[in-house]
Amino acid sequence: RRSNISIRRRALELSYVLINEQNVRILIRELLAFLEVVDDEFKLGMTTQISLAAERFAPNKRWHIDTVLRVLKLARNFVREEILFASIRLVAHTPELQAYTSSKLYTALQDNISQESLTLAALWVIGEYGDVLFDGGVVDKDQPKQVSLTVF
């Protein structure tokens, strides 16, 4: 069991080193697919490495934001604070995609509010740019949505 873990860890390390501008879309897609099924002990490192590679090699801002949102959705609560703050900073510094990101995060919260990192990012983004949800028709001002939270 221990040797399998070290082999997986080394394979992941090699994958991160191989990422560049030409293959970033393909390798990140594969890493995200693996993130869905990988053991929890790998998730924190994977979310960090995927996020750093996306930041460094992103072909465009929309792809970068989509990748970060996917990481937040898949990682559950295995996201370092620095990565969470970097994702919020990305949205803040990309005004042309703030409405898009607000809408995506609003939809993600409707699906699952139990993931701390995703919820924190969504609350900040929606708090800052939530008016676009009303302006764009994503949320109807006259039909408030009932939200229920379970406190553990």
N, C-alpha and C. Protein backbone atom coordinates (compact mmCIF):
# COMPACT_ATOMS: atom_id res chain seq x y z
N ARG A 1 0.82 -1.19 0.00
CA ARG A 1 0.00 0.00 0.00
C ARG A 1 0.86 1.25 0.00
N ARG A 2 1.89 1.26 0.84
CA ARG A 2 2.76 2.43 0.95
C ARG A 2 3.51 2.69 -0.36
N SER A 3 3.96 1.62 -1.02
CA SER A 3 4.68 1.81 -2.28
C SER A 3 3.75 2.35 -3.37
N ASN A 4 2.48 1.92 -3.37
CA ASN A 4 1.52 2.45 -4.33
C ASN A 4 1.35 3.96 -4.15
N ILE A 5 1.29 4.38 -2.90
CA ILE A 5 1.12 5.80 -2.61
C ILE A 5 2.33 6.59 -3.09
N SER A 6 3.52 6.08 -2.84
CA SER A 6 4.71 6.81 -3.27
C SER A 6 4.83 6.83 -4.80
N ILE A 7 4.40 5.77 -5.45
CA ILE A 7 4.41 5.76 -6.92
C ILE A 7 3.43 6.79 -7.46
N ARG A 8 2.24 6.84 -6.88
CA ARG A 8 1.25 7.84 -7.31
C ARG A 8 1.77 9.25 -7.08
N ARG A 9 2.37 9.45 -5.92
CA ARG A 9 2.89 10.79 -5.59
C ARG A 9 3.96 11.20 -6.60
N ARG A 10 4.86 10.29 -6.93
CA ARG A 10 5.93 10.59 -7.90
C ARG A 10 5.34 10.85 -9.30
N ALA A 11 4.34 10.07 -9.67
CA ALA A 11 3.69 10.28 -10.97
C ALA A 11 3.02 11.65 -11.03
N LEU A 12 2.38 12.05 -9.95
CA LEU A 12 1.77 13.37 -9.91
C LEU A 12 2.83 14.47 -10.00
N GLU A 13 3.92 14.31 -9.26
CA GLU A 13 5.01 15.29 -9.31
C GLU A 13 5.54 15.44 -10.73
N LEU A 14 5.69 14.33 -11.42
CA LEU A 14 6.16 14.36 -12.81
C LEU A 14 5.14 15.07 -13.70
N SER A 15 3.87 14.80 -13.47
CA SER A 15 2.82 15.46 -14.26
C SER A 15 2.88 16.98 -14.11
N TYR A 16 3.09 17.44 -12.88
CA TYR A 16 3.15 18.89 -12.65
C TYR A 16 4.34 19.51 -13.38
N VAL A 17 5.47 18.82 -13.38
CA VAL A 17 6.68 19.33 -14.03
C VAL A 17 6.50 19.40 -15.54
N LEU A 18 5.73 18.50 -16.10
CA LEU A 18 5.55 18.43 -17.55
C LEU A 18 4.61 19.51 -18.11
N ILE A 19 3.84 20.16 -17.27
CA ILE A 19 2.87 21.14 -17.75
C ILE A 19 3.59 22.35 -18.35
N ASN A 20 3.11 22.75 -19.53
CA ASN A 20 3.64 23.95 -20.18
C ASN A 20 2.51 24.61 -20.99
N GLU A 21 2.83 25.68 -21.72
CA GLU A 21 1.81 26.41 -22.49
C GLU A 21 1.13 25.55 -23.54
N GLN A 22 1.86 24.61 -24.11
CA GLN A 22 1.31 23.79 -25.19
C GLN A 22 0.37 22.69 -24.69
N ASN A 23 0.60 22.16 -23.50
CA ASN A 23 -0.20 21.01 -23.07
C ASN A 23 -1.05 21.29 -21.83
N VAL A 24 -1.11 22.55 -21.40
CA VAL A 24 -1.79 22.87 -20.14
C VAL A 24 -3.25 22.41 -20.14
N ARG A 25 -3.96 22.61 -21.23
CA ARG A 25 -5.39 22.21 -21.28
C ARG A 25 -5.55 20.70 -21.10
N ILE A 26 -4.74 19.95 -21.79
CA ILE A 26 -4.85 18.49 -21.75
C ILE A 26 -4.46 17.95 -20.38
N LEU A 27 -3.30 18.37 -19.88
CA LEU A 27 -2.83 17.84 -18.60
C LEU A 27 -3.71 18.28 -17.43
N ILE A 28 -4.16 19.51 -17.43
CA ILE A 28 -5.04 19.97 -16.35
C ILE A 28 -6.37 19.22 -16.40
N ARG A 29 -6.89 18.98 -17.59
CA ARG A 29 -8.13 18.20 -17.72
C ARG A 29 -7.96 16.81 -17.12
N GLU A 30 -6.82 16.17 -17.39
CA GLU A 30 -6.55 14.84 -16.83
C GLU A 30 -6.37 14.90 -15.31
N LEU A 31 -5.67 15.91 -14.84
CA LEU A 31 -5.49 16.06 -13.39
C LEU A 31 -6.81 16.33 -12.68
N LEU A 32 -7.68 17.11 -13.29
CA LEU A 32 -9.00 17.36 -12.70
C LEU A 32 -9.83 16.09 -12.66
N ALA A 33 -9.73 15.27 -13.69
CA ALA A 33 -10.44 13.99 -13.69
C ALA A 33 -9.92 13.09 -12.57
N PHE A 34 -8.62 13.12 -12.37
CA PHE A 34 -8.03 12.32 -11.29
C PHE A 34 -8.40 12.88 -9.92
N LEU A 35 -8.51 14.20 -9.82
CA LEU A 35 -8.87 14.84 -8.56
C LEU A 35 -10.24 14.36 -8.07
N GLU A 36 -11.13 14.03 -9.00
CA GLU A 36 -12.46 13.54 -8.62
C GLU A 36 -12.41 12.21 -7.88
N VAL A 37 -11.41 11.37 -8.17
CA VAL A 37 -11.39 10.01 -7.62
C VAL A 37 -10.22 9.73 -6.68
N VAL A 38 -9.29 10.65 -6.58
CA VAL A 38 -8.08 10.42 -5.81
C VAL A 38 -8.39 10.38 -4.30
N ASP A 39 -7.55 9.67 -3.57
CA ASP A 39 -7.67 9.63 -2.11
C ASP A 39 -7.49 11.03 -1.54
N ASP A 40 -8.14 11.28 -0.42
CA ASP A 40 -8.10 12.60 0.21
C ASP A 40 -6.68 13.08 0.52
N GLU A 41 -5.79 12.18 0.82
CA GLU A 41 -4.43 12.59 1.19
C GLU A 41 -3.69 13.30 0.04
N PHE A 42 -4.16 13.14 -1.18
CA PHE A 42 -3.53 13.78 -2.34
C PHE A 42 -4.20 15.10 -2.72
N LYS A 43 -5.42 15.32 -2.27
CA LYS A 43 -6.23 16.44 -2.77
C LYS A 43 -5.63 17.82 -2.49
N LEU A 44 -5.14 18.04 -1.30
CA LEU A 44 -4.60 19.36 -0.96
C LEU A 44 -3.43 19.73 -1.88
N GLY A 45 -2.51 18.81 -2.06
CA GLY A 45 -1.38 19.06 -2.95
C GLY A 45 -1.80 19.22 -4.40
N MET A 46 -2.76 18.41 -4.82
CA MET A 46 -3.24 18.51 -6.20
C MET A 46 -3.92 19.84 -6.47
N THR A 47 -4.78 20.28 -5.55
CA THR A 47 -5.46 21.55 -5.78
C THR A 47 -4.46 22.70 -5.87
N THR A 48 -3.44 22.64 -5.06
CA THR A 48 -2.41 23.68 -5.09
C THR A 48 -1.67 23.65 -6.41
N GLN A 49 -1.20 22.48 -6.82
CA GLN A 49 -0.41 22.38 -8.05
C GLN A 49 -1.24 22.70 -9.29
N ILE A 50 -2.48 22.24 -9.33
CA ILE A 50 -3.35 22.55 -10.48
C ILE A 50 -3.58 24.06 -10.56
N SER A 51 -3.87 24.67 -9.43
CA SER A 51 -4.13 26.11 -9.40
C SER A 51 -2.90 26.92 -9.81
N LEU A 52 -1.74 26.52 -9.33
CA LEU A 52 -0.51 27.22 -9.70
C LEU A 52 -0.20 27.07 -11.19
N ALA A 53 -0.39 25.87 -11.72
CA ALA A 53 -0.15 25.64 -13.15
C ALA A 53 -1.16 26.43 -14.00
N ALA A 54 -2.41 26.47 -13.56
CA ALA A 54 -3.42 27.22 -14.30
C ALA A 54 -3.07 28.71 -14.30
N GLU A 55 -2.61 29.21 -13.18
CA GLU A 55 -2.22 30.62 -13.09
C GLU A 55 -1.03 30.92 -14.01
N ARG A 56 -0.08 30.02 -14.03
CA ARG A 56 1.15 30.25 -14.80
C ARG A 56 0.96 30.08 -16.30
N PHE A 57 0.17 29.07 -16.71
CA PHE A 57 0.10 28.71 -18.12
C PHE A 57 -1.26 28.92 -18.77
N ALA A 58 -2.19 29.57 -18.10
CA ALA A 58 -3.55 29.73 -18.64
C ALA A 58 -3.53 30.36 -20.04
N PRO A 59 -4.21 29.73 -20.99
CA PRO A 59 -4.25 30.29 -22.34
C PRO A 59 -5.09 31.58 -22.41
N ASN A 60 -6.04 31.73 -21.48
CA ASN A 60 -6.85 32.95 -21.41
C ASN A 60 -7.51 33.03 -20.03
N LYS A 61 -8.06 34.19 -19.71
CA LYS A 61 -8.64 34.40 -18.37
C LYS A 61 -9.87 33.53 -18.13
N ARG A 62 -10.69 33.35 -19.14
CA ARG A 62 -11.91 32.53 -18.96
C ARG A 62 -11.55 31.10 -18.62
N TRP A 63 -10.58 30.54 -19.33
CA TRP A 63 -10.14 29.18 -19.03
C TRP A 63 -9.58 29.10 -17.61
N HIS A 64 -8.82 30.11 -17.22
CA HIS A 64 -8.25 30.14 -15.89
C HIS A 64 -9.36 30.15 -14.83
N ILE A 65 -10.35 31.00 -15.00
CA ILE A 65 -11.46 31.07 -14.05
C ILE A 65 -12.24 29.76 -14.04
N ASP A 66 -12.53 29.21 -15.20
CA ASP A 66 -13.25 27.92 -15.26
C ASP A 66 -12.47 26.82 -14.54
N THR A 67 -11.17 26.82 -14.70
CA THR A 67 -10.32 25.81 -14.04
C THR A 67 -10.36 25.99 -12.53
N VAL A 68 -10.22 27.22 -12.07
CA VAL A 68 -10.25 27.49 -10.64
C VAL A 68 -11.61 27.08 -10.05
N LEU A 69 -12.67 27.40 -10.74
CA LEU A 69 -14.01 27.03 -10.25
C LEU A 69 -14.17 25.52 -10.19
N ARG A 70 -13.64 24.84 -11.18
CA ARG A 70 -13.70 23.37 -11.19
C ARG A 70 -12.91 22.79 -10.01
N VAL A 71 -11.74 23.35 -9.75
CA VAL A 71 -10.93 22.91 -8.61
C VAL A 71 -11.72 23.11 -7.31
N LEU A 72 -12.33 24.28 -7.14
CA LEU A 72 -13.09 24.55 -5.92
C LEU A 72 -14.26 23.57 -5.76
N LYS A 73 -14.89 23.22 -6.87
CA LYS A 73 -16.01 22.27 -6.80
C LYS A 73 -15.55 20.86 -6.46
N LEU A 74 -14.46 20.43 -7.06
CA LEU A 74 -14.01 19.04 -6.91
C LEU A 74 -13.24 18.79 -5.62
N ALA A 75 -12.58 19.81 -5.11
CA ALA A 75 -11.64 19.62 -4.01
C ALA A 75 -12.31 19.48 -2.65
N ARG A 76 -13.60 19.72 -2.61
CA ARG A 76 -14.31 19.75 -1.33
C ARG A 76 -13.61 20.75 -0.41
N ASN A 77 -13.15 20.32 0.73
CA ASN A 77 -12.52 21.26 1.68
C ASN A 77 -11.00 21.16 1.66
N PHE A 78 -10.44 20.66 0.58
CA PHE A 78 -9.00 20.48 0.47
C PHE A 78 -8.38 21.57 -0.40
N VAL A 79 -8.55 22.82 0.02
CA VAL A 79 -8.00 23.96 -0.70
C VAL A 79 -7.29 24.85 0.31
N ARG A 80 -6.04 25.15 0.03
CA ARG A 80 -5.27 26.04 0.90
C ARG A 80 -5.83 27.47 0.81
N GLU A 81 -5.69 28.21 1.90
CA GLU A 81 -6.17 29.59 1.93
C GLU A 81 -5.56 30.44 0.82
N GLU A 82 -4.26 30.23 0.56
CA GLU A 82 -3.60 31.03 -0.48
C GLU A 82 -4.26 30.83 -1.84
N ILE A 83 -4.68 29.60 -2.11
CA ILE A 83 -5.32 29.29 -3.39
C ILE A 83 -6.71 29.92 -3.44
N LEU A 84 -7.43 29.86 -2.33
CA LEU A 84 -8.73 30.51 -2.25
C LEU A 84 -8.60 32.01 -2.48
N PHE A 85 -7.64 32.64 -1.80
CA PHE A 85 -7.44 34.08 -1.97
C PHE A 85 -6.99 34.43 -3.39
N ALA A 86 -6.17 33.58 -3.98
CA ALA A 86 -5.73 33.82 -5.36
C ALA A 86 -6.92 33.75 -6.33
N SER A 87 -7.85 32.85 -6.07
CA SER A 87 -9.02 32.75 -6.94
C SER A 87 -9.90 33.99 -6.82
N ILE A 88 -10.05 34.49 -5.61
CA ILE A 88 -10.83 35.71 -5.41
C ILE A 88 -10.13 36.90 -6.06
N ARG A 89 -8.81 36.96 -5.91
CA ARG A 89 -8.03 38.04 -6.53
C ARG A 89 -8.15 37.99 -8.06
N LEU A 90 -8.15 36.78 -8.62
CA LEU A 90 -8.31 36.63 -10.07
C LEU A 90 -9.62 37.25 -10.54
N VAL A 91 -10.70 36.97 -9.83
CA VAL A 91 -12.00 37.52 -10.21
C VAL A 91 -11.98 39.04 -10.05
N ALA A 92 -11.42 39.54 -8.97
CA ALA A 92 -11.38 40.98 -8.73
C ALA A 92 -10.60 41.72 -9.82
N HIS A 93 -9.58 41.07 -10.37
CA HIS A 93 -8.74 41.70 -11.38
C HIS A 93 -9.15 41.36 -12.81
N THR A 94 -10.32 40.73 -12.96
CA THR A 94 -10.82 40.38 -14.30
C THR A 94 -12.25 40.90 -14.45
N PRO A 95 -12.41 42.22 -14.56
CA PRO A 95 -13.76 42.79 -14.58
C PRO A 95 -14.65 42.26 -15.70
N GLU A 96 -14.06 41.91 -16.82
CA GLU A 96 -14.87 41.43 -17.95
C GLU A 96 -15.50 40.07 -17.68
N LEU A 97 -15.04 39.36 -16.65
CA LEU A 97 -15.59 38.04 -16.33
C LEU A 97 -16.26 37.99 -14.95
N GLN A 98 -16.46 39.12 -14.32
CA GLN A 98 -17.07 39.13 -12.99
C GLN A 98 -18.53 38.68 -13.03
N ALA A 99 -19.27 39.11 -14.03
CA ALA A 99 -20.67 38.67 -14.15
C ALA A 99 -20.73 37.17 -14.42
N TYR A 100 -19.89 36.71 -15.31
CA TYR A 100 -19.83 35.28 -15.64
C TYR A 100 -19.50 34.46 -14.39
N THR A 101 -18.48 34.88 -13.65
CA THR A 101 -18.04 34.15 -12.47
C THR A 101 -19.11 34.19 -11.38
N SER A 102 -19.75 35.33 -11.18
CA SER A 102 -20.83 35.44 -10.19
C SER A 102 -21.95 34.47 -10.51
N SER A 103 -22.31 34.40 -11.76
CA SER A 103 -23.37 33.49 -12.19
C SER A 103 -22.98 32.02 -11.96
N LYS A 104 -21.77 31.68 -12.33
CA LYS A 104 -21.29 30.29 -12.15
C LYS A 104 -21.26 29.91 -10.67
N LEU A 105 -20.78 30.82 -9.84
CA LEU A 105 -20.70 30.52 -8.40
C LEU A 105 -22.08 30.47 -7.76
N TYR A 106 -22.98 31.32 -8.20
CA TYR A 106 -24.36 31.28 -7.69
C TYR A 106 -24.98 29.92 -8.01
N THR A 107 -24.81 29.46 -9.22
CA THR A 107 -25.33 28.16 -9.62
C THR A 107 -24.67 27.04 -8.82
N ALA A 108 -23.36 27.14 -8.60
CA ALA A 108 -22.64 26.12 -7.83
C ALA A 108 -23.16 26.05 -6.40
N LEU A 109 -23.48 27.20 -5.81
CA LEU A 109 -24.02 27.22 -4.45
C LEU A 109 -25.39 26.57 -4.38
N GLN A 110 -26.17 26.73 -5.42
CA GLN A 110 -27.48 26.08 -5.45
C GLN A 110 -27.33 24.56 -5.45
N ASP A 111 -26.29 24.08 -6.10
CA ASP A 111 -26.04 22.64 -6.17
C ASP A 111 -25.47 22.09 -4.87
N ASN A 112 -24.56 22.85 -4.24
CA ASN A 112 -23.87 22.33 -3.06
C ASN A 112 -23.30 23.48 -2.24
N ILE A 113 -23.81 23.63 -1.04
CA ILE A 113 -23.33 24.71 -0.17
C ILE A 113 -22.42 24.16 0.94
N SER A 114 -22.09 22.89 0.88
CA SER A 114 -21.33 22.26 1.97
C SER A 114 -19.82 22.36 1.81
N GLN A 115 -19.34 22.84 0.68
CA GLN A 115 -17.90 22.92 0.47
C GLN A 115 -17.41 24.30 0.89
N GLU A 116 -16.63 24.32 1.93
CA GLU A 116 -16.23 25.58 2.55
C GLU A 116 -15.53 26.53 1.58
N SER A 117 -14.54 26.08 0.86
CA SER A 117 -13.78 26.96 -0.04
C SER A 117 -14.65 27.51 -1.15
N LEU A 118 -15.46 26.65 -1.74
CA LEU A 118 -16.36 27.09 -2.80
C LEU A 118 -17.36 28.11 -2.25
N THR A 119 -17.89 27.84 -1.09
CA THR A 119 -18.87 28.73 -0.47
C THR A 119 -18.24 30.08 -0.12
N LEU A 120 -17.04 30.06 0.44
CA LEU A 120 -16.37 31.33 0.78
C LEU A 120 -16.09 32.16 -0.48
N ALA A 121 -15.59 31.52 -1.51
CA ALA A 121 -15.33 32.24 -2.77
C ALA A 121 -16.63 32.80 -3.34
N ALA A 122 -17.66 31.98 -3.34
CA ALA A 122 -18.95 32.40 -3.89
C ALA A 122 -19.53 33.58 -3.11
N LEU A 123 -19.47 33.50 -1.79
CA LEU A 123 -20.03 34.58 -0.98
C LEU A 123 -19.30 35.89 -1.20
N TRP A 124 -17.98 35.82 -1.33
CA TRP A 124 -17.24 37.05 -1.57
C TRP A 124 -17.57 37.62 -2.94
N VAL A 125 -17.52 36.78 -3.96
CA VAL A 125 -17.78 37.24 -5.33
C VAL A 125 -19.21 37.76 -5.47
N ILE A 126 -20.17 37.02 -4.94
CA ILE A 126 -21.56 37.46 -5.04
C ILE A 126 -21.78 38.72 -4.22
N GLY A 127 -21.11 38.82 -3.08
CA GLY A 127 -21.22 40.05 -2.28
C GLY A 127 -20.69 41.27 -3.01
N GLU A 128 -19.63 41.09 -3.75
CA GLU A 128 -19.03 42.20 -4.49
C GLU A 128 -19.75 42.50 -5.81
N TYR A 129 -20.15 41.46 -6.51
CA TYR A 129 -20.66 41.64 -7.88
C TYR A 129 -22.06 41.06 -8.06
N GLY A 130 -22.77 40.86 -6.97
CA GLY A 130 -24.09 40.22 -7.02
C GLY A 130 -25.14 40.97 -7.80
N ASP A 131 -24.96 42.29 -7.93
CA ASP A 131 -25.93 43.07 -8.69
C ASP A 131 -26.06 42.57 -10.13
N VAL A 132 -25.01 41.98 -10.66
CA VAL A 132 -25.08 41.47 -12.03
C VAL A 132 -26.00 40.26 -12.13
N LEU A 133 -26.22 39.58 -11.02
CA LEU A 133 -27.14 38.45 -11.02
C LEU A 133 -28.57 38.93 -11.24
N PHE A 134 -28.90 40.09 -10.67
CA PHE A 134 -30.22 40.67 -10.89
C PHE A 134 -30.31 41.29 -12.28
N ASP A 135 -29.27 42.03 -12.64
CA ASP A 135 -29.27 42.71 -13.94
C ASP A 135 -29.31 41.73 -15.09
N GLY A 136 -28.66 40.59 -14.93
CA GLY A 136 -28.61 39.58 -15.99
C GLY A 136 -29.76 38.61 -15.97
N GLY A 137 -30.66 38.74 -15.00
CA GLY A 137 -31.82 37.86 -14.95
C GLY A 137 -31.57 36.50 -14.34
N VAL A 138 -30.38 36.29 -13.76
CA VAL A 138 -30.08 35.01 -13.12
C VAL A 138 -30.94 34.84 -11.88
N VAL A 139 -31.15 35.94 -11.15
CA VAL A 139 -31.97 35.94 -9.94
C VAL A 139 -33.12 36.91 -10.14
N ASP A 140 -34.31 36.48 -9.77
CA ASP A 140 -35.49 37.33 -9.86
C ASP A 140 -35.67 38.05 -8.53
N LYS A 141 -35.62 39.37 -8.56
CA LYS A 141 -35.75 40.17 -7.34
C LYS A 141 -37.09 39.93 -6.63
N ASP A 142 -38.12 39.65 -7.43
CA ASP A 142 -39.46 39.50 -6.87
C ASP A 142 -39.74 38.09 -6.35
N GLN A 143 -38.88 37.16 -6.64
CA GLN A 143 -39.05 35.78 -6.19
C GLN A 143 -37.85 35.34 -5.37
N PRO A 144 -37.79 35.73 -4.09
CA PRO A 144 -36.63 35.33 -3.27
C PRO A 144 -36.54 33.82 -3.16
N LYS A 145 -35.33 33.35 -3.12
CA LYS A 145 -35.07 31.92 -3.04
C LYS A 145 -34.88 31.51 -1.58
N GLN A 146 -35.57 30.46 -1.18
CA GLN A 146 -35.45 29.93 0.18
C GLN A 146 -34.16 29.14 0.28
N VAL A 147 -33.35 29.45 1.26
CA VAL A 147 -32.09 28.74 1.50
C VAL A 147 -32.12 28.17 2.90
N SER A 148 -31.75 26.91 3.02
CA SER A 148 -31.67 26.34 4.36
C SER A 148 -30.27 25.83 4.59
N LEU A 149 -29.75 26.11 5.77
CA LEU A 149 -28.41 25.71 6.13
C LEU A 149 -28.48 24.70 7.27
N THR A 150 -27.61 23.75 7.21
CA THR A 150 -27.49 22.79 8.29
C THR A 150 -26.21 23.11 9.04
N VAL A 151 -26.32 23.36 10.31
CA VAL A 151 -25.16 23.66 11.14
C VAL A 151 -24.76 22.40 11.87
N PHE A 152 -23.47 22.06 11.78
CA PHE A 152 -22.97 20.84 12.41
C PHE A 152 -22.49 21.09 13.79
